[in-house]
Amino acid sequence: MKTQKPKKAGAARSDQKLTPKQQRFVEEYLVDLNGTQAAIRAGYSVKTAEQMAYQLLQKTSVKKAISAARKDQQDRTEITADRVLREAWSILTADARELVQVKVGCCRHCWGEGHRYQRTVAEYNHDHAEWLAKRSAGKAQEDFEEQGGIGYNPLRPPHPECPECCGDGYSRVVLADTRTISPAAAALYAGAEQTKYGLKVVMHDKVAAMEKLFKHLGLYEKDNEQKSDPLTDLLHKIACSNGSAFRPVQDDPEALPAAPASAFQPRDDSTLEPGEG
């Protein structure tokens, strides 16, 4: 008759069913992947939520339940880790200049005759029509002021010797047509807001995308392995310096210079002969 081998304790624990509270924790953890908040929403005490979350996430049964729930979630939503990472990579590598540009062109005086104020054709026609109306009404006292002429084009480069802008030109913000941007720029684009100062383009956080990629690639863990303990470094420095790593206070380079000796020193009565003093 064959005897059954007893199951290992680890195997028994890995097949252990979750309690209703633990199952609720798994469901809540998938919402935002925040263990502490998931524990609180699952009904654990606020004071011990962080510790409980850590303990739960170490349990093999909870790990398996989270992994299985994630797989089911991905199958339902068709959102895989690869797709999320590709989106984060697009946000990180997108060129924000595809959405918003700062363009510098000539100022109004750069190319006007004698570096005087230059109008566009439409502006010239508008101002001239107003002047004609005033003259017809007998209100125009002077001849029409041509100023710097017509032909202002903000796309022209600044004049290097312009006395008004000193060659720096005039900067303006230009927003892109979001219907024609690249896929990477579309990933970076988070919408637009109409503020009292004008239209504001909102972008996704590149730093957050970088954090997500760093965590997935394990770069933080590798970086932490390269960093040594500061206390260990200090003790090693002391050991290798033959005990000279710490200087006496009087040798401290930041210490104030010692005060000069006083001309009046306390008398040592022990050196006096009997009858003196």
Protein backbone atom coordinates (compact mmCIF):
# COMPACT_ATOMS: atom_id res chain seq x y z
CA MET A 1 0.00 0.00 0.00
CA LYS A 2 1.44 3.33 -1.08
CA THR A 3 1.70 6.05 1.45
CA GLN A 4 0.94 9.61 0.42
CA LYS A 5 3.69 12.11 1.00
CA PRO A 6 2.65 15.05 3.13
CA LYS A 7 2.30 18.30 1.26
CA LYS A 8 4.91 20.94 1.84
CA ALA A 9 3.89 23.87 3.98
CA GLY A 10 4.74 26.29 1.17
CA ALA A 11 2.51 24.48 -1.29
CA ALA A 12 -0.35 24.53 1.16
CA ARG A 13 0.03 28.25 1.65
CA SER A 14 0.20 28.96 -2.10
CA ASP A 15 -3.14 27.17 -2.67
CA GLN A 16 -4.79 28.85 0.28
CA LYS A 17 -8.04 30.63 -0.61
CA LEU A 18 -8.37 34.31 0.06
CA THR A 19 -10.61 35.68 2.74
CA PRO A 20 -13.35 38.08 1.59
CA LYS A 21 -11.27 40.96 2.94
CA GLN A 22 -8.17 39.82 1.07
CA GLN A 23 -10.18 39.40 -2.13
CA ARG A 24 -11.51 42.92 -1.74
CA PHE A 25 -7.93 44.11 -1.30
CA VAL A 26 -6.97 42.47 -4.61
CA GLU A 27 -9.87 44.17 -6.39
CA GLU A 28 -9.07 47.56 -4.90
CA TYR A 29 -5.34 47.19 -5.62
CA LEU A 30 -6.05 46.90 -9.34
CA VAL A 31 -7.76 50.30 -9.30
CA ASP A 32 -4.62 52.39 -8.75
CA LEU A 33 -1.89 49.91 -7.69
CA ASN A 34 -1.63 51.74 -4.36
CA GLY A 35 -1.33 49.15 -1.62
CA THR A 36 -2.03 51.45 1.32
CA GLN A 37 -5.14 52.98 -0.21
CA ALA A 38 -6.34 49.58 -1.38
CA ALA A 39 -6.04 48.26 2.17
CA ILE A 40 -8.04 51.18 3.54
CA ARG A 41 -10.78 50.74 0.93
CA ALA A 42 -10.83 47.01 1.68
CA GLY A 43 -11.69 47.75 5.31
CA TYR A 44 -8.34 47.58 7.09
CA SER A 45 -7.46 50.14 9.74
CA VAL A 46 -5.99 53.41 8.50
CA LYS A 47 -3.24 53.20 11.12
CA THR A 48 -2.08 49.74 10.00
CA ALA A 49 -3.02 49.98 6.31
CA GLU A 50 0.54 50.47 5.07
CA GLN A 51 1.86 47.52 7.10
CA MET A 52 -1.07 45.30 6.11
CA ALA A 53 -0.61 46.17 2.43
CA TYR A 54 3.04 45.17 2.62
CA GLN A 55 2.20 41.86 4.33
CA LEU A 56 -0.60 41.07 1.87
CA LEU A 57 1.57 41.78 -1.15
CA GLN A 58 4.15 39.29 0.19
CA LYS A 59 1.61 36.46 0.37
CA THR A 60 1.88 33.99 -2.51
CA SER A 61 -1.89 33.53 -2.67
CA VAL A 62 -2.45 37.28 -2.96
CA LYS A 63 0.26 37.61 -5.61
CA LYS A 64 -1.35 34.85 -7.66
CA ALA A 65 -4.79 36.44 -7.30
CA ILE A 66 -3.47 39.83 -8.44
CA SER A 67 -1.67 38.26 -11.40
CA ALA A 68 -4.79 36.34 -12.45
CA ALA A 69 -7.00 39.42 -12.03
CA ARG A 70 -4.61 41.49 -14.12
CA LYS A 71 -4.68 38.88 -16.88
CA ASP A 72 -8.48 38.87 -16.86
CA GLN A 73 -8.47 42.66 -16.91
CA GLN A 74 -6.12 42.76 -19.90
CA ASP A 75 -8.22 40.22 -21.77
CA ARG A 76 -11.38 42.26 -21.17
CA THR A 77 -9.94 45.66 -22.01
CA GLU A 78 -7.27 44.58 -24.52
CA ILE A 79 -4.90 46.85 -22.59
CA THR A 80 -1.58 45.07 -22.18
CA ALA A 81 1.59 46.12 -20.41
CA ASP A 82 3.32 46.43 -23.78
CA ARG A 83 0.69 48.88 -24.97
CA VAL A 84 1.00 50.99 -21.83
CA LEU A 85 4.79 51.03 -22.12
CA ARG A 86 4.61 52.05 -25.78
CA GLU A 87 2.32 54.92 -24.79
CA ALA A 88 4.69 56.01 -22.02
CA TRP A 89 7.64 55.84 -24.45
CA SER A 90 5.74 57.99 -26.95
CA ILE A 91 5.04 60.60 -24.27
CA LEU A 92 8.67 60.61 -23.14
CA THR A 93 10.17 60.94 -26.62
CA ALA A 94 7.58 63.29 -28.15
CA ASP A 95 8.78 66.73 -29.23
CA ALA A 96 6.68 69.38 -27.47
CA ARG A 97 7.50 71.79 -30.28
CA GLU A 98 5.07 69.86 -32.45
CA LEU A 99 2.29 71.22 -30.24
CA VAL A 100 3.55 74.68 -29.27
CA GLN A 101 6.25 76.79 -30.88
CA VAL A 102 7.81 80.12 -30.07
CA LYS A 103 8.59 81.90 -33.33
CA VAL A 104 10.69 85.06 -33.60
CA GLY A 105 10.11 87.42 -36.51
CA CYS A 106 10.73 91.04 -37.31
CA CYS A 107 9.14 93.84 -35.34
CA ARG A 108 7.09 96.64 -36.91
CA HIS A 109 10.11 98.86 -37.36
CA CYS A 110 12.63 96.35 -38.73
CA TRP A 111 11.83 96.75 -42.43
CA GLY A 112 9.82 99.97 -42.49
CA GLU A 113 11.16 102.93 -44.43
CA GLY A 114 13.61 104.70 -42.17
CA HIS A 115 12.81 102.05 -39.53
CA ARG A 116 9.45 103.70 -38.94
CA TYR A 117 6.30 101.77 -38.07
CA GLN A 118 5.25 99.48 -40.94
CA ARG A 119 1.68 98.42 -41.66
CA THR A 120 0.17 95.46 -43.44
CA VAL A 121 -1.85 96.20 -46.57
CA ALA A 122 -5.12 95.72 -44.68
CA GLU A 123 -4.02 98.03 -41.87
CA TYR A 124 -2.92 100.68 -44.36
CA ASN A 125 -6.25 100.56 -46.19
CA HIS A 126 -8.18 100.76 -42.91
CA ASP A 127 -6.21 103.74 -41.60
CA HIS A 128 -6.38 105.53 -44.96
CA ALA A 129 -10.15 105.05 -45.17
CA GLU A 130 -10.55 106.52 -41.68
CA TRP A 131 -8.40 109.49 -42.68
CA LEU A 132 -10.51 110.06 -45.82
CA ALA A 133 -13.71 110.00 -43.74
CA LYS A 134 -12.28 112.57 -41.33
CA ARG A 135 -11.13 114.77 -44.20
CA SER A 136 -14.60 114.65 -45.79
CA ALA A 137 -16.06 115.72 -42.45
CA GLY A 138 -13.52 118.49 -42.20
CA LYS A 139 -11.84 116.94 -39.16
CA ALA A 140 -8.55 115.94 -40.74
CA GLN A 141 -6.00 118.62 -39.90
CA GLU A 142 -2.93 117.01 -41.44
CA ASP A 143 -1.93 114.95 -44.45
CA PHE A 144 -2.16 111.17 -44.17
CA GLU A 145 0.86 109.76 -42.34
CA GLU A 146 2.47 107.06 -44.45
CA GLN A 147 4.88 106.11 -41.62
CA GLY A 148 7.06 103.15 -42.66
CA GLY A 149 4.91 102.12 -45.60
CA ILE A 150 3.21 98.83 -46.19
CA GLY A 151 4.36 95.23 -46.42
CA TYR A 152 4.82 94.17 -42.79
CA ASN A 153 5.31 90.39 -42.61
CA PRO A 154 5.96 88.84 -39.17
CA LEU A 155 7.61 85.84 -40.86
CA ARG A 156 10.54 87.92 -42.04
CA PRO A 157 13.66 87.76 -39.86
CA PRO A 158 14.58 90.69 -37.60
CA HIS A 159 16.74 93.45 -39.02
CA PRO A 160 20.10 93.26 -37.22
CA GLU A 161 20.37 97.06 -37.04
CA CYS A 162 16.77 97.85 -36.09
CA PRO A 163 16.84 100.70 -33.54
CA GLU A 164 13.53 99.56 -32.02
CA CYS A 165 14.17 95.87 -31.21
CA CYS A 166 17.98 95.93 -31.55
CA GLY A 167 17.82 92.89 -33.80
CA ASP A 168 16.00 90.69 -31.28
CA GLY A 169 12.72 90.81 -33.18
CA TYR A 170 9.30 89.97 -31.83
CA SER A 171 8.41 86.56 -30.35
CA ARG A 172 4.98 84.98 -30.61
CA VAL A 173 3.44 81.68 -29.57
CA VAL A 174 2.08 79.50 -32.36
CA LEU A 175 -0.19 76.51 -31.63
CA ALA A 176 -0.23 73.52 -33.93
CA ASP A 177 -3.31 72.13 -35.66
CA THR A 178 -3.84 68.98 -33.58
CA ARG A 179 -5.58 67.26 -36.51
CA THR A 180 -2.27 66.78 -38.27
CA ILE A 181 0.21 66.05 -35.45
CA SER A 182 2.31 62.87 -35.26
CA PRO A 183 1.28 59.86 -33.13
CA ALA A 184 3.96 60.71 -30.55
CA ALA A 185 2.72 64.30 -30.27
CA ALA A 186 -0.84 63.00 -30.03
CA ALA A 187 0.22 60.84 -27.07
CA LEU A 188 1.78 63.89 -25.40
CA TYR A 189 -1.28 66.08 -26.07
CA ALA A 190 -3.72 66.12 -23.13
CA GLY A 191 -6.18 68.71 -24.40
CA ALA A 192 -6.62 72.47 -24.38
CA GLU A 193 -8.10 75.02 -22.00
CA GLN A 194 -9.56 78.43 -22.71
CA THR A 195 -8.22 80.75 -20.00
CA LYS A 196 -8.62 84.48 -19.49
CA TYR A 197 -5.14 84.89 -20.97
CA GLY A 198 -5.89 82.81 -24.05
CA LEU A 199 -5.71 79.21 -25.20
CA LYS A 200 -3.54 76.88 -23.10
CA VAL A 201 -2.23 73.56 -24.42
CA VAL A 202 -2.11 70.82 -21.78
CA MET A 203 0.49 68.04 -22.05
CA HIS A 204 1.01 64.79 -20.22
CA ASP A 205 3.79 64.71 -17.65
CA LYS A 206 7.04 63.50 -19.21
CA VAL A 207 8.57 62.92 -15.77
CA ALA A 208 5.71 60.58 -14.80
CA ALA A 209 6.18 58.66 -18.05
CA MET A 210 9.89 58.37 -17.35
CA GLU A 211 9.21 57.12 -13.80
CA LYS A 212 6.92 54.43 -15.19
CA LEU A 213 9.55 53.27 -17.68
CA PHE A 214 12.34 53.34 -15.10
CA LYS A 215 10.32 51.18 -12.72
CA HIS A 216 9.43 48.70 -15.45
CA LEU A 217 13.04 48.39 -16.63
CA GLY A 218 14.30 48.08 -13.05
CA LEU A 219 16.65 51.03 -13.42
CA TYR A 220 15.89 52.27 -9.91
CA GLU A 221 16.93 48.92 -8.44
CA LYS A 222 20.16 48.94 -10.43
CA ASP A 223 20.87 52.50 -9.36
CA ASN A 224 20.27 51.63 -5.72
CA GLU A 225 22.70 48.71 -6.00
CA GLN A 226 25.39 51.10 -7.19
CA LYS A 227 24.85 53.44 -4.27
CA SER A 228 26.66 52.57 -1.07
CA ASP A 229 25.62 53.23 2.48
CA PRO A 230 26.92 56.70 3.58
CA LEU A 231 27.63 55.42 7.10
CA THR A 232 29.65 52.51 5.70
CA ASP A 233 31.64 54.94 3.55
CA LEU A 234 32.39 57.13 6.56
CA LEU A 235 33.55 54.22 8.72
CA HIS A 236 35.72 52.94 5.88
CA LYS A 237 37.27 56.37 5.50
CA ILE A 238 38.08 56.51 9.22
CA ALA A 239 39.60 53.04 9.18
CA CYS A 240 41.82 53.85 6.20
CA SER A 241 43.05 57.13 7.62
CA ASN A 242 44.76 55.69 10.74
CA GLY A 243 42.37 57.52 12.98
CA SER A 244 43.14 60.92 11.50
CA ALA A 245 39.82 61.40 9.78
CA PHE A 246 38.65 63.63 12.61
CA ARG A 247 40.73 66.68 13.46
CA PRO A 248 40.85 68.33 16.87
CA VAL A 249 38.60 71.32 17.27
CA GLN A 250 41.50 73.80 17.28
CA ASP A 251 42.55 72.51 13.82
CA ASP A 252 39.08 72.92 12.38
CA PRO A 253 39.50 75.08 9.23
CA GLU A 254 36.10 76.69 9.88
CA ALA A 255 36.88 77.50 13.52
CA LEU A 256 37.46 81.11 14.55
CA PRO A 257 41.11 82.05 15.31
CA ALA A 258 42.10 81.59 18.92
CA ALA A 259 42.03 84.69 21.08
CA PRO A 260 45.48 86.13 22.00
CA ALA A 261 46.82 85.30 25.42
CA SER A 262 45.92 87.79 28.08
CA ALA A 263 48.68 89.84 29.76
CA PHE A 264 47.10 89.04 33.11
CA GLN A 265 47.47 85.39 34.04
CA PRO A 266 46.09 83.78 37.21
CA ARG A 267 48.73 83.41 39.94
CA ASP A 268 49.84 79.95 40.98
CA ASP A 269 49.99 80.16 44.80
CA SER A 270 51.68 76.78 45.02
CA THR A 271 54.98 78.31 43.82
CA LEU A 272 55.08 81.06 46.46
CA GLU A 273 57.45 80.87 49.38
CA PRO A 274 56.01 81.07 52.88
CA GLY A 275 55.34 84.65 53.79
CA GLU A 276 54.91 85.86 50.19
CA GLY A 277 51.67 87.05 48.74
